[in-house]
């Protein structure tokens, strides 16, 4: 008897392809025995990484092609209809799967998902939302790159959708929503942000108003709304800063024998810090506003990180996030 929920895994995706995607999916299958996982990819490539006996809740769907990280979204959409990415999304479209996970080309995944799954009624644009470690645990931020520019109405819709995702994934049904700006004062910001501020303020949300960049990491806000250009720049800045801090700590703690002893003394705290801020724990960004659950994993994700993306897909599928968004959007669309 097939599992109630099925997750389609684009096993050819990302920098590592089946060598990471397949074992990550097998680990998830062991952890979530009530969930079915469908590995989608080239038969020969998948078989190299599969055990002789598949778990009862794992199946394979073979696809002849692969969307490369260098492919233009238009070419991926038009010329690679038998790719692992497209076939995974087709499973969601047909209802044979309840979510898709891919570490592939972001532009191609968004374009193909938009074409195959379509938008939820009333939603103008899809958005990418992801979790960022913060003093309060995590902050959800959108848009992280789907839309370089946004209208005030689209930002207001992002606020609604972000609140649904944050509420469903954390259990906090009144998440605090903030609009990213260059200052907290009502007079700050360009016309589009000012107009969005008015629209969001009129929505049935726990809106805290404008927030600044440093608030993303505070315990002041749970959802930060911005356009995709700003959000993507902010995200890449955070990733670069994290790498710089990690590298600097290694350099300083190995600069002399005395400092190496200091590193040994600080080892428990450093280990806890590394675990708490480990970006792999937050891997998996949701492409929301679509008529289906689509999770984008980081292209360079390792086994642990890709499994986290699969776990996010399972959680969103269980919660029925697209249906929940549709319920919230319809009254104000």
C-alpha atoms as a PDB file:
ATOM      1  CA  UNK A   1       0.000   0.000   0.000  1.00  0.00           C
ATOM      2  CA  UNK A   2       1.583   3.339  -1.050  1.00  0.00           C
ATOM      3  CA  UNK A   3       2.386   5.970   1.585  1.00  0.00           C
ATOM      4  CA  UNK A   4      -0.187   8.722   2.077  1.00  0.00           C
ATOM      5  CA  UNK A   5       2.304  11.440   1.164  1.00  0.00           C
ATOM      6  CA  UNK A   6       4.822  11.174  -1.654  1.00  0.00           C
ATOM      7  CA  UNK A   7       7.867  13.457  -2.096  1.00  0.00           C
ATOM      8  CA  UNK A   8       9.488  13.739  -5.526  1.00  0.00           C
ATOM      9  CA  UNK A   9      13.265  14.136  -5.290  1.00  0.00           C
ATOM     10  CA  UNK A  10      15.178  15.547  -8.261  1.00  0.00           C
ATOM     11  CA  UNK A  11      18.078  13.183  -7.675  1.00  0.00           C
ATOM     12  CA  UNK A  12      20.230  14.574 -10.489  1.00  0.00           C
ATOM     13  CA  UNK A  13      20.243  18.101  -9.122  1.00  0.00           C
ATOM     14  CA  UNK A  14      22.908  20.240  -7.491  1.00  0.00           C
ATOM     15  CA  UNK A  15      26.674  20.120  -7.605  1.00  0.00           C
ATOM     16  CA  UNK A  16      26.825  16.508  -6.372  1.00  0.00           C
ATOM     17  CA  UNK A  17      23.773  14.906  -7.980  1.00  0.00           C
ATOM     18  CA  UNK A  18      22.877  11.314  -7.021  1.00  0.00           C
ATOM     19  CA  UNK A  19      25.955  10.889  -4.798  1.00  0.00           C
ATOM     20  CA  UNK A  20      24.271  13.213  -2.270  1.00  0.00           C
ATOM     21  CA  UNK A  21      20.582  13.244  -3.242  1.00  0.00           C
ATOM     22  CA  UNK A  22      20.103   9.462  -3.193  1.00  0.00           C
ATOM     23  CA  UNK A  23      21.653   8.694   0.236  1.00  0.00           C
ATOM     24  CA  UNK A  24      19.931  11.749   1.710  1.00  0.00           C
ATOM     25  CA  UNK A  25      16.583  10.468   0.446  1.00  0.00           C
ATOM     26  CA  UNK A  26      17.307   6.966   1.760  1.00  0.00           C
ATOM     27  CA  UNK A  27      18.097   8.421   5.198  1.00  0.00           C
ATOM     28  CA  UNK A  28      14.844  10.387   5.120  1.00  0.00           C
ATOM     29  CA  UNK A  29      12.976   7.224   4.136  1.00  0.00           C
ATOM     30  CA  UNK A  30      14.295   5.472   7.239  1.00  0.00           C
ATOM     31  CA  UNK A  31      13.315   8.385   9.453  1.00  0.00           C
ATOM     32  CA  UNK A  32       9.856   8.924   7.919  1.00  0.00           C
ATOM     33  CA  UNK A  33       8.552   5.433   7.236  1.00  0.00           C
ATOM     34  CA  UNK A  34       5.024   6.763   6.588  1.00  0.00           C
ATOM     35  CA  UNK A  35       6.274   8.989   3.746  1.00  0.00           C
ATOM     36  CA  UNK A  36       6.982   7.793   0.203  1.00  0.00           C
ATOM     37  CA  UNK A  37       9.973   9.136  -1.705  1.00  0.00           C
ATOM     38  CA  UNK A  38      10.260   9.023  -5.484  1.00  0.00           C
ATOM     39  CA  UNK A  39      13.822   9.330  -6.791  1.00  0.00           C
ATOM     40  CA  UNK A  40      13.790  10.902 -10.248  1.00  0.00           C
ATOM     41  CA  UNK A  41      16.830  10.689 -12.509  1.00  0.00           C
ATOM     42  CA  UNK A  42      18.815   8.784 -15.088  1.00  0.00           C
ATOM     43  CA  UNK A  43      18.556   5.056 -14.485  1.00  0.00           C
ATOM     44  CA  UNK A  44      22.276   4.278 -14.684  1.00  0.00           C
ATOM     45  CA  UNK A  45      23.205   7.179 -12.408  1.00  0.00           C
ATOM     46  CA  UNK A  46      20.625   6.254  -9.786  1.00  0.00           C
ATOM     47  CA  UNK A  47      21.540   2.557  -9.745  1.00  0.00           C
ATOM     48  CA  UNK A  48      25.154   3.391  -8.838  1.00  0.00           C
ATOM     49  CA  UNK A  49      23.987   4.791  -5.517  1.00  0.00           C
ATOM     50  CA  UNK A  50      21.042   2.538  -4.686  1.00  0.00           C
ATOM     51  CA  UNK A  51      21.167  -0.523  -2.420  1.00  0.00           C
ATOM     52  CA  UNK A  52      20.303  -3.932  -3.850  1.00  0.00           C
ATOM     53  CA  UNK A  53      16.986  -3.822  -1.994  1.00  0.00           C
ATOM     54  CA  UNK A  54      15.083  -0.541  -1.915  1.00  0.00           C
ATOM     55  CA  UNK A  55      13.161   0.406   1.234  1.00  0.00           C
ATOM     56  CA  UNK A  56       9.433  -0.211   0.881  1.00  0.00           C
ATOM     57  CA  UNK A  57       8.700   3.529   0.802  1.00  0.00           C
ATOM     58  CA  UNK A  58      11.226   4.403  -1.938  1.00  0.00           C
ATOM     59  CA  UNK A  59      10.561   4.129  -5.680  1.00  0.00           C
ATOM     60  CA  UNK A  60      12.336   5.377  -8.811  1.00  0.00           C
ATOM     61  CA  UNK A  61      11.149   7.247 -11.862  1.00  0.00           C
ATOM     62  CA  UNK A  62      13.641   7.399 -14.695  1.00  0.00           C
ATOM     63  CA  UNK A  63      14.233  10.559 -16.697  1.00  0.00           C
ATOM     64  CA  UNK A  64      16.516  10.864 -19.709  1.00  0.00           C
ATOM     65  CA  UNK A  65      17.792  14.407 -19.256  1.00  0.00           C
ATOM     66  CA  UNK A  66      19.243  16.770 -16.649  1.00  0.00           C
ATOM     67  CA  UNK A  67      18.893  20.521 -16.198  1.00  0.00           C
ATOM     68  CA  UNK A  68      22.437  21.805 -15.784  1.00  0.00           C
ATOM     69  CA  UNK A  69      23.323  24.668 -13.464  1.00  0.00           C
ATOM     70  CA  UNK A  70      24.397  26.674 -16.528  1.00  0.00           C
ATOM     71  CA  UNK A  71      21.169  26.158 -18.503  1.00  0.00           C
ATOM     72  CA  UNK A  72      19.086  29.224 -19.272  1.00  0.00           C
ATOM     73  CA  UNK A  73      15.618  28.912 -17.684  1.00  0.00           C
ATOM     74  CA  UNK A  74      13.948  29.313 -21.091  1.00  0.00           C
ATOM     75  CA  UNK A  75      16.010  26.489 -22.602  1.00  0.00           C
ATOM     76  CA  UNK A  76      15.374  24.222 -19.616  1.00  0.00           C
ATOM     77  CA  UNK A  77      11.651  24.814 -19.944  1.00  0.00           C
ATOM     78  CA  UNK A  78      11.404  24.325 -23.695  1.00  0.00           C
ATOM     79  CA  UNK A  79      14.039  21.715 -24.473  1.00  0.00           C
ATOM     80  CA  UNK A  80      14.304  19.519 -21.385  1.00  0.00           C
ATOM     81  CA  UNK A  81      10.817  18.159 -20.907  1.00  0.00           C
ATOM     82  CA  UNK A  82      12.209  14.750 -19.912  1.00  0.00           C
ATOM     83  CA  UNK A  83      14.613  16.127 -17.316  1.00  0.00           C
ATOM     84  CA  UNK A  84      14.605  14.945 -13.708  1.00  0.00           C
ATOM     85  CA  UNK A  85      13.493  18.433 -12.653  1.00  0.00           C
ATOM     86  CA  UNK A  86      10.540  18.534 -15.034  1.00  0.00           C
ATOM     87  CA  UNK A  87       9.425  14.977 -14.284  1.00  0.00           C
ATOM     88  CA  UNK A  88       9.556  15.700 -10.534  1.00  0.00           C
ATOM     89  CA  UNK A  89       7.301  18.724 -10.974  1.00  0.00           C
ATOM     90  CA  UNK A  90       5.002  16.755 -13.284  1.00  0.00           C
ATOM     91  CA  UNK A  91       4.463  14.289 -10.418  1.00  0.00           C
ATOM     92  CA  UNK A  92       3.287  17.153  -8.201  1.00  0.00           C
ATOM     93  CA  UNK A  93       1.071  18.490 -10.988  1.00  0.00           C
ATOM     94  CA  UNK A  94      -0.627  15.102 -11.447  1.00  0.00           C
ATOM     95  CA  UNK A  95      -1.081  14.576  -7.715  1.00  0.00           C
ATOM     96  CA  UNK A  96       1.232  11.562  -7.662  1.00  0.00           C
ATOM     97  CA  UNK A  97       3.568  13.547  -5.406  1.00  0.00           C
ATOM     98  CA  UNK A  98       2.758  16.182  -2.801  1.00  0.00           C
ATOM     99  CA  UNK A  99       6.059  18.076  -2.956  1.00  0.00           C
ATOM    100  CA  UNK A 100       9.191  18.384  -5.056  1.00  0.00           C
ATOM    101  CA  UNK A 101      12.752  18.884  -3.792  1.00  0.00           C
ATOM    102  CA  UNK A 102      15.531  20.036  -6.102  1.00  0.00           C
ATOM    103  CA  UNK A 103      19.024  21.481  -5.686  1.00  0.00           C
ATOM    104  CA  UNK A 104      19.068  22.499  -9.338  1.00  0.00           C
ATOM    105  CA  UNK A 105      19.297  25.746 -11.242  1.00  0.00           C
ATOM    106  CA  UNK A 106      17.126  28.252  -9.332  1.00  0.00           C
ATOM    107  CA  UNK A 107      15.930  30.163 -12.387  1.00  0.00           C
ATOM    108  CA  UNK A 108      15.080  26.979 -14.271  1.00  0.00           C
ATOM    109  CA  UNK A 109      13.277  25.505 -11.266  1.00  0.00           C
ATOM    110  CA  UNK A 110      11.203  28.642 -10.745  1.00  0.00           C
ATOM    111  CA  UNK A 111      10.335  28.983 -14.437  1.00  0.00           C
ATOM    112  CA  UNK A 112       9.436  25.312 -14.808  1.00  0.00           C
ATOM    113  CA  UNK A 113       7.472  25.189 -11.564  1.00  0.00           C
ATOM    114  CA  UNK A 114       5.573  28.322 -12.589  1.00  0.00           C
ATOM    115  CA  UNK A 115       4.739  26.795 -15.983  1.00  0.00           C
ATOM    116  CA  UNK A 116       3.829  23.313 -14.713  1.00  0.00           C
ATOM    117  CA  UNK A 117       2.056  24.068 -11.438  1.00  0.00           C
ATOM    118  CA  UNK A 118       0.683  27.549 -12.166  1.00  0.00           C
ATOM    119  CA  UNK A 119       0.005  30.195  -9.543  1.00  0.00           C
ATOM    120  CA  UNK A 120      -2.529  30.021  -6.740  1.00  0.00           C
ATOM    121  CA  UNK A 121      -5.630  32.057  -7.535  1.00  0.00           C
ATOM    122  CA  UNK A 122      -5.115  35.686  -6.580  1.00  0.00           C
ATOM    123  CA  UNK A 123      -1.319  35.473  -6.175  1.00  0.00           C
ATOM    124  CA  UNK A 124       0.496  37.829  -8.545  1.00  0.00           C
ATOM    125  CA  UNK A 125       4.049  36.506  -8.147  1.00  0.00           C
ATOM    126  CA  UNK A 126       5.727  33.532  -6.490  1.00  0.00           C
ATOM    127  CA  UNK A 127       8.391  34.229  -3.871  1.00  0.00           C
ATOM    128  CA  UNK A 128      11.288  32.362  -2.309  1.00  0.00           C
ATOM    129  CA  UNK A 129      11.238  32.173   1.483  1.00  0.00           C
ATOM    130  CA  UNK A 130      13.953  30.745   3.703  1.00  0.00           C
ATOM    131  CA  UNK A 131      14.887  30.583   7.379  1.00  0.00           C
ATOM    132  CA  UNK A 132      17.874  32.502   8.753  1.00  0.00           C
ATOM    133  CA  UNK A 133      19.407  31.845  12.198  1.00  0.00           C
ATOM    134  CA  UNK A 134      18.619  34.626  14.648  1.00  0.00           C
ATOM    135  CA  UNK A 135      18.743  35.419  18.335  1.00  0.00           C
ATOM    136  CA  UNK A 136      15.177  34.167  18.680  1.00  0.00           C
ATOM    137  CA  UNK A 137      15.938  30.924  16.838  1.00  0.00           C
ATOM    138  CA  UNK A 138      15.154  31.738  13.226  1.00  0.00           C
ATOM    139  CA  UNK A 139      13.725  34.495  11.071  1.00  0.00           C
ATOM    140  CA  UNK A 140      11.892  33.816   7.826  1.00  0.00           C
ATOM    141  CA  UNK A 141      12.773  36.136   4.961  1.00  0.00           C
ATOM    142  CA  UNK A 142      11.219  36.654   1.532  1.00  0.00           C
ATOM    143  CA  UNK A 143      11.689  37.287  -1.313  1.00  0.00           C
ATOM    144  CA  UNK A 144      15.175  35.787  -1.634  1.00  0.00           C
ATOM    145  CA  UNK A 145      15.540  36.169  -5.372  1.00  0.00           C
ATOM    146  CA  UNK A 146      12.454  35.259  -7.401  1.00  0.00           C
ATOM    147  CA  UNK A 147      11.505  38.880  -8.199  1.00  0.00           C
ATOM    148  CA  UNK A 148      14.116  41.593  -8.678  1.00  0.00           C
ATOM    149  CA  UNK A 149      11.474  44.294  -8.267  1.00  0.00           C
ATOM    150  CA  UNK A 150       8.045  44.190  -6.654  1.00  0.00           C
ATOM    151  CA  UNK A 151       4.927  46.323  -6.542  1.00  0.00           C
ATOM    152  CA  UNK A 152       3.451  47.341  -3.172  1.00  0.00           C
ATOM    153  CA  UNK A 153       0.606  44.843  -3.719  1.00  0.00           C
ATOM    154  CA  UNK A 154       3.084  42.023  -4.322  1.00  0.00           C
ATOM    155  CA  UNK A 155       4.997  42.883  -1.148  1.00  0.00           C
ATOM    156  CA  UNK A 156       1.713  42.821   0.760  1.00  0.00           C
ATOM    157  CA  UNK A 157       0.982  39.361  -0.639  1.00  0.00           C
ATOM    158  CA  UNK A 158       4.478  38.242   0.371  1.00  0.00           C
ATOM    159  CA  UNK A 159       3.672  39.363   3.915  1.00  0.00           C
ATOM    160  CA  UNK A 160       0.536  37.228   3.973  1.00  0.00           C
ATOM    161  CA  UNK A 161       2.262  34.197   2.477  1.00  0.00           C
ATOM    162  CA  UNK A 162       5.290  34.563   4.740  1.00  0.00           C
ATOM    163  CA  UNK A 163       3.068  34.679   7.816  1.00  0.00           C
ATOM    164  CA  UNK A 164       1.362  31.437   6.739  1.00  0.00           C
ATOM    165  CA  UNK A 165       4.677  29.638   6.197  1.00  0.00           C
ATOM    166  CA  UNK A 166       6.181  30.868   9.469  1.00  0.00           C
ATOM    167  CA  UNK A 167       3.033  29.961  11.374  1.00  0.00           C
ATOM    168  CA  UNK A 168       2.774  26.470   9.920  1.00  0.00           C
ATOM    169  CA  UNK A 169       6.459  25.635  10.324  1.00  0.00           C
ATOM    170  CA  UNK A 170       6.878  26.964  13.862  1.00  0.00           C
ATOM    171  CA  UNK A 171       3.421  26.624  15.377  1.00  0.00           C
ATOM    172  CA  UNK A 172       3.295  30.355  16.136  1.00  0.00           C
ATOM    173  CA  UNK A 173       0.042  31.440  14.515  1.00  0.00           C
ATOM    174  CA  UNK A 174       0.716  35.149  15.135  1.00  0.00           C
ATOM    175  CA  UNK A 175       4.236  35.615  13.748  1.00  0.00           C
ATOM    176  CA  UNK A 176       5.553  39.164  13.817  1.00  0.00           C
ATOM    177  CA  UNK A 177       5.892  40.529  10.282  1.00  0.00           C
ATOM    178  CA  UNK A 178       8.225  43.391   9.376  1.00  0.00           C
ATOM    179  CA  UNK A 179       8.945  45.258   6.136  1.00  0.00           C
ATOM    180  CA  UNK A 180      12.648  45.791   5.428  1.00  0.00           C
ATOM    181  CA  UNK A 181      13.581  49.448   5.110  1.00  0.00           C
ATOM    182  CA  UNK A 182      16.487  51.836   5.640  1.00  0.00           C
ATOM    183  CA  UNK A 183      14.967  53.021   8.919  1.00  0.00           C
ATOM    184  CA  UNK A 184      12.132  52.311  11.314  1.00  0.00           C
ATOM    185  CA  UNK A 185      10.543  55.749  11.025  1.00  0.00           C
ATOM    186  CA  UNK A 186       7.365  56.016   8.949  1.00  0.00           C
ATOM    187  CA  UNK A 187       8.902  58.741   6.775  1.00  0.00           C
ATOM    188  CA  UNK A 188      11.820  56.541   5.650  1.00  0.00           C
ATOM    189  CA  UNK A 189      12.007  54.601   2.385  1.00  0.00           C
ATOM    190  CA  UNK A 190      11.004  55.043  -1.247  1.00  0.00           C
ATOM    191  CA  UNK A 191       7.421  55.320  -2.508  1.00  0.00           C
ATOM    192  CA  UNK A 192       6.962  51.600  -3.167  1.00  0.00           C
ATOM    193  CA  UNK A 193       7.994  50.649   0.374  1.00  0.00           C
ATOM    194  CA  UNK A 194       5.804  53.405   1.811  1.00  0.00           C
ATOM    195  CA  UNK A 195       2.801  52.156  -0.178  1.00  0.00           C
ATOM    196  CA  UNK A 196       3.482  48.545   0.859  1.00  0.00           C
ATOM    197  CA  UNK A 197       3.678  49.700   4.481  1.00  0.00           C
ATOM    198  CA  UNK A 198       0.132  51.056   4.243  1.00  0.00           C
ATOM    199  CA  UNK A 199      -1.206  47.920   2.549  1.00  0.00           C
ATOM    200  CA  UNK A 200       0.408  45.493   4.995  1.00  0.00           C
ATOM    201  CA  UNK A 201      -0.754  47.579   7.945  1.00  0.00           C
ATOM    202  CA  UNK A 202      -4.358  47.063   6.802  1.00  0.00           C
ATOM    203  CA  UNK A 203      -4.029  43.265   6.642  1.00  0.00           C
ATOM    204  CA  UNK A 204      -5.038  40.911   9.495  1.00  0.00           C
ATOM    205  CA  UNK A 205      -1.407  40.311  10.443  1.00  0.00           C
ATOM    206  CA  UNK A 206       0.775  40.891  13.484  1.00  0.00           C
ATOM    207  CA  UNK A 207       2.592  43.671  11.634  1.00  0.00           C
ATOM    208  CA  UNK A 208       5.385  45.419  13.543  1.00  0.00           C
ATOM    209  CA  UNK A 209       6.135  47.962  10.812  1.00  0.00           C
ATOM    210  CA  UNK A 210       9.489  48.810   9.273  1.00  0.00           C
ATOM    211  CA  UNK A 211      12.568  46.853  10.328  1.00  0.00           C
ATOM    212  CA  UNK A 212      16.231  47.394   9.465  1.00  0.00           C
ATOM    213  CA  UNK A 213      18.893  44.952   8.345  1.00  0.00           C
ATOM    214  CA  UNK A 214      20.208  44.263  11.841  1.00  0.00           C
ATOM    215  CA  UNK A 215      16.706  43.329  12.996  1.00  0.00           C
ATOM    216  CA  UNK A 216      16.818  40.190  10.832  1.00  0.00           C
ATOM    217  CA  UNK A 217      19.037  38.564  13.458  1.00  0.00           C
ATOM    218  CA  UNK A 218      17.201  39.942  16.490  1.00  0.00           C
ATOM    219  CA  UNK A 219      14.237  38.613  18.440  1.00  0.00           C
ATOM    220  CA  UNK A 220      12.111  41.500  17.205  1.00  0.00           C
ATOM    221  CA  UNK A 221      10.552  39.966  14.103  1.00  0.00           C
ATOM    222  CA  UNK A 222       9.649  36.523  12.743  1.00  0.00           C
ATOM    223  CA  UNK A 223       9.067  37.339   9.067  1.00  0.00           C
ATOM    224  CA  UNK A 224      10.989  39.949   7.071  1.00  0.00           C
ATOM    225  CA  UNK A 225       9.488  41.075   3.754  1.00  0.00           C
ATOM    226  CA  UNK A 226      11.477  42.647   0.922  1.00  0.00           C
ATOM    227  CA  UNK A 227      11.935  42.479  -2.842  1.00  0.00           C
ATOM    228  CA  UNK A 228      13.987  39.688  -4.400  1.00  0.00           C
ATOM    229  CA  UNK A 229      16.935  41.885  -5.351  1.00  0.00           C
ATOM    230  CA  UNK A 230      17.431  43.198  -1.828  1.00  0.00           C
ATOM    231  CA  UNK A 231      16.680  39.843  -0.245  1.00  0.00           C
ATOM    232  CA  UNK A 232      19.169  37.957  -2.395  1.00  0.00           C
ATOM    233  CA  UNK A 233      21.916  40.525  -1.787  1.00  0.00           C
ATOM    234  CA  UNK A 234      21.239  40.357   1.953  1.00  0.00           C
ATOM    235  CA  UNK A 235      21.329  36.550   1.935  1.00  0.00           C
ATOM    236  CA  UNK A 236      24.625  36.374   0.024  1.00  0.00           C
ATOM    237  CA  UNK A 237      26.091  39.023   2.340  1.00  0.00           C
ATOM    238  CA  UNK A 238      25.131  36.910   5.361  1.00  0.00           C
ATOM    239  CA  UNK A 239      26.705  33.799   3.830  1.00  0.00           C
ATOM    240  CA  UNK A 240      29.926  35.676   3.060  1.00  0.00           C
ATOM    241  CA  UNK A 241      30.085  37.179   6.539  1.00  0.00           C
ATOM    242  CA  UNK A 242      29.581  33.763   8.137  1.00  0.00           C
ATOM    243  CA  UNK A 243      32.459  32.296   6.117  1.00  0.00           C
ATOM    244  CA  UNK A 244      34.694  35.272   6.961  1.00  0.00           C
ATOM    245  CA  UNK A 245      34.001  34.960  10.703  1.00  0.00           C
ATOM    246  CA  UNK A 246      34.636  31.207  10.644  1.00  0.00           C
ATOM    247  CA  UNK A 247      37.904  31.669   8.766  1.00  0.00           C
ATOM    248  CA  UNK A 248      39.056  34.477  11.063  1.00  0.00           C
ATOM    249  CA  UNK A 249      38.370  32.389  14.165  1.00  0.00           C
ATOM    250  CA  UNK A 250      40.423  29.514  12.758  1.00  0.00           C
ATOM    251  CA  UNK A 251      43.310  31.862  11.951  1.00  0.00           C
ATOM    252  CA  UNK A 252      43.317  33.531  15.354  1.00  0.00           C
ATOM    253  CA  UNK A 253      42.997  30.304  17.366  1.00  0.00           C
ATOM    254  CA  UNK A 254      45.934  28.729  15.505  1.00  0.00           C
ATOM    255  CA  UNK A 255      48.206  31.768  15.493  1.00  0.00           C
ATOM    256  CA  UNK A 256      50.291  30.604  18.487  1.00  0.00           C
ATOM    257  CA  UNK A 257      50.611  27.662  20.934  1.00  0.00           C
ATOM    258  CA  UNK A 258      48.948  29.708  23.670  1.00  0.00           C
ATOM    259  CA  UNK A 259      45.981  30.467  21.436  1.00  0.00           C
ATOM    260  CA  UNK A 260      45.698  26.796  20.500  1.00  0.00           C
ATOM    261  CA  UNK A 261      45.361  26.038  24.216  1.00  0.00           C
ATOM    262  CA  UNK A 262      42.695  28.737  24.381  1.00  0.00           C
ATOM    263  CA  UNK A 263      40.884  27.027  21.515  1.00  0.00           C
ATOM    264  CA  UNK A 264      40.870  23.777  23.466  1.00  0.00           C
ATOM    265  CA  UNK A 265      39.374  25.525  26.480  1.00  0.00           C
ATOM    266  CA  UNK A 266      36.751  27.211  24.311  1.00  0.00           C
ATOM    267  CA  UNK A 267      36.004  24.049  22.296  1.00  0.00           C
ATOM    268  CA  UNK A 268      32.571  23.300  23.861  1.00  0.00           C
ATOM    269  CA  UNK A 269      31.352  26.857  23.278  1.00  0.00           C
ATOM    270  CA  UNK A 270      32.765  26.946  19.747  1.00  0.00           C
ATOM    271  CA  UNK A 271      31.130  23.622  18.923  1.00  0.00           C
ATOM    272  CA  UNK A 272      27.785  24.851  20.212  1.00  0.00           C
ATOM    273  CA  UNK A 273      28.161  28.066  18.197  1.00  0.00           C
ATOM    274  CA  UNK A 274      28.996  26.126  15.051  1.00  0.00           C
ATOM    275  CA  UNK A 275      25.965  23.894  15.491  1.00  0.00           C
ATOM    276  CA  UNK A 276      23.639  26.801  16.186  1.00  0.00           C
ATOM    277  CA  UNK A 277      24.776  28.793  13.141  1.00  0.00           C
ATOM    278  CA  UNK A 278      25.392  25.864  10.794  1.00  0.00           C
ATOM    279  CA  UNK A 279      23.776  26.952   7.485  1.00  0.00           C
ATOM    280  CA  UNK A 280      23.118  23.319   6.594  1.00  0.00           C
ATOM    281  CA  UNK A 281      20.476  23.170   9.333  1.00  0.00           C
ATOM    282  CA  UNK A 282      18.520  25.886   7.515  1.00  0.00           C
ATOM    283  CA  UNK A 283      18.902  24.449   4.022  1.00  0.00           C
ATOM    284  CA  UNK A 284      15.803  24.456   1.895  1.00  0.00           C
ATOM    285  CA  UNK A 285      13.925  27.501   0.636  1.00  0.00           C
ATOM    286  CA  UNK A 286      10.247  27.328  -0.285  1.00  0.00           C
ATOM    287  CA  UNK A 287       8.936  28.609  -3.611  1.00  0.00           C
ATOM    288  CA  UNK A 288       5.572  29.845  -2.378  1.00  0.00           C
ATOM    289  CA  UNK A 289       2.551  31.146  -4.254  1.00  0.00           C
ATOM    290  CA  UNK A 290       2.597  28.111  -6.540  1.00  0.00           C
ATOM    291  CA  UNK A 291      -0.106  25.472  -6.681  1.00  0.00           C
ATOM    292  CA  UNK A 292       2.147  22.903  -5.016  1.00  0.00           C
ATOM    293  CA  UNK A 293       5.063  22.529  -2.604  1.00  0.00           C
ATOM    294  CA  UNK A 294       8.459  23.165  -4.216  1.00  0.00           C
ATOM    295  CA  UNK A 295      11.607  23.218  -2.095  1.00  0.00           C
ATOM    296  CA  UNK A 296      14.870  24.604  -3.458  1.00  0.00           C
ATOM    297  CA  UNK A 297      17.992  23.182  -1.827  1.00  0.00           C
ATOM    298  CA  UNK A 298      21.342  24.929  -2.012  1.00  0.00           C
ATOM    299  CA  UNK A 299      23.236  23.638  -5.033  1.00  0.00           C
ATOM    300  CA  UNK A 300      26.288  22.755  -2.954  1.00  0.00           C
ATOM    301  CA  UNK A 301      24.319  20.976  -0.226  1.00  0.00           C
ATOM    302  CA  UNK A 302      25.913  17.923   1.369  1.00  0.00           C
ATOM    303  CA  UNK A 303      24.005  14.853   2.529  1.00  0.00           C
ATOM    304  CA  UNK A 304      22.908  16.389   5.844  1.00  0.00           C
ATOM    305  CA  UNK A 305      21.784  19.655   4.223  1.00  0.00           C
ATOM    306  CA  UNK A 306      19.852  17.969   1.419  1.00  0.00           C
ATOM    307  CA  UNK A 307      18.085  15.745   3.924  1.00  0.00           C
ATOM    308  CA  UNK A 308      17.003  18.883   5.789  1.00  0.00           C
ATOM    309  CA  UNK A 309      15.448  20.169   2.542  1.00  0.00           C
ATOM    310  CA  UNK A 310      13.537  16.882   2.188  1.00  0.00           C
ATOM    311  CA  UNK A 311      12.331  17.192   5.788  1.00  0.00           C
ATOM    312  CA  UNK A 312      11.076  20.708   5.024  1.00  0.00           C
ATOM    313  CA  UNK A 313       9.167  19.378   2.008  1.00  0.00           C
ATOM    314  CA  UNK A 314       7.569  16.704   4.192  1.00  0.00           C
ATOM    315  CA  UNK A 315       6.520  19.267   6.800  1.00  0.00           C
ATOM    316  CA  UNK A 316       5.025  21.641   4.231  1.00  0.00           C
ATOM    317  CA  UNK A 317       3.201  18.790   2.491  1.00  0.00           C
ATOM    318  CA  UNK A 318       1.758  17.601   5.796  1.00  0.00           C
ATOM    319  CA  UNK A 319       0.623  21.114   6.669  1.00  0.00           C
ATOM    320  CA  UNK A 320      -0.851  21.727   3.219  1.00  0.00           C
ATOM    321  CA  UNK A 321       0.915  25.080   2.939  1.00  0.00           C
ATOM    322  CA  UNK A 322      -0.378  25.993  -0.573  1.00  0.00           C
ATOM    323  CA  UNK A 323      -3.989  25.461   0.535  1.00  0.00           C
ATOM    324  CA  UNK A 324      -3.385  27.524   3.659  1.00  0.00           C
ATOM    325  CA  UNK A 325      -1.940  30.356   1.561  1.00  0.00           C
ATOM    326  CA  UNK A 326      -4.908  30.204  -0.812  1.00  0.00           C
ATOM    327  CA  UNK A 327      -7.278  30.576   2.152  1.00  0.00           C
ATOM    328  CA  UNK A 328      -5.491  33.725   3.318  1.00  0.00           C
ATOM    329  CA  UNK A 329      -5.038  35.315  -0.107  1.00  0.00           C
ATOM    330  CA  UNK A 330      -8.598  34.860  -1.375  1.00  0.00           C
ATOM    331  CA  UNK A 331     -10.341  37.354   0.966  1.00  0.00           C
ATOM    332  CA  UNK A 332      -7.889  40.188   0.161  1.00  0.00           C
ATOM    333  CA  UNK A 333      -6.967  39.431  -3.484  1.00  0.00           C
END
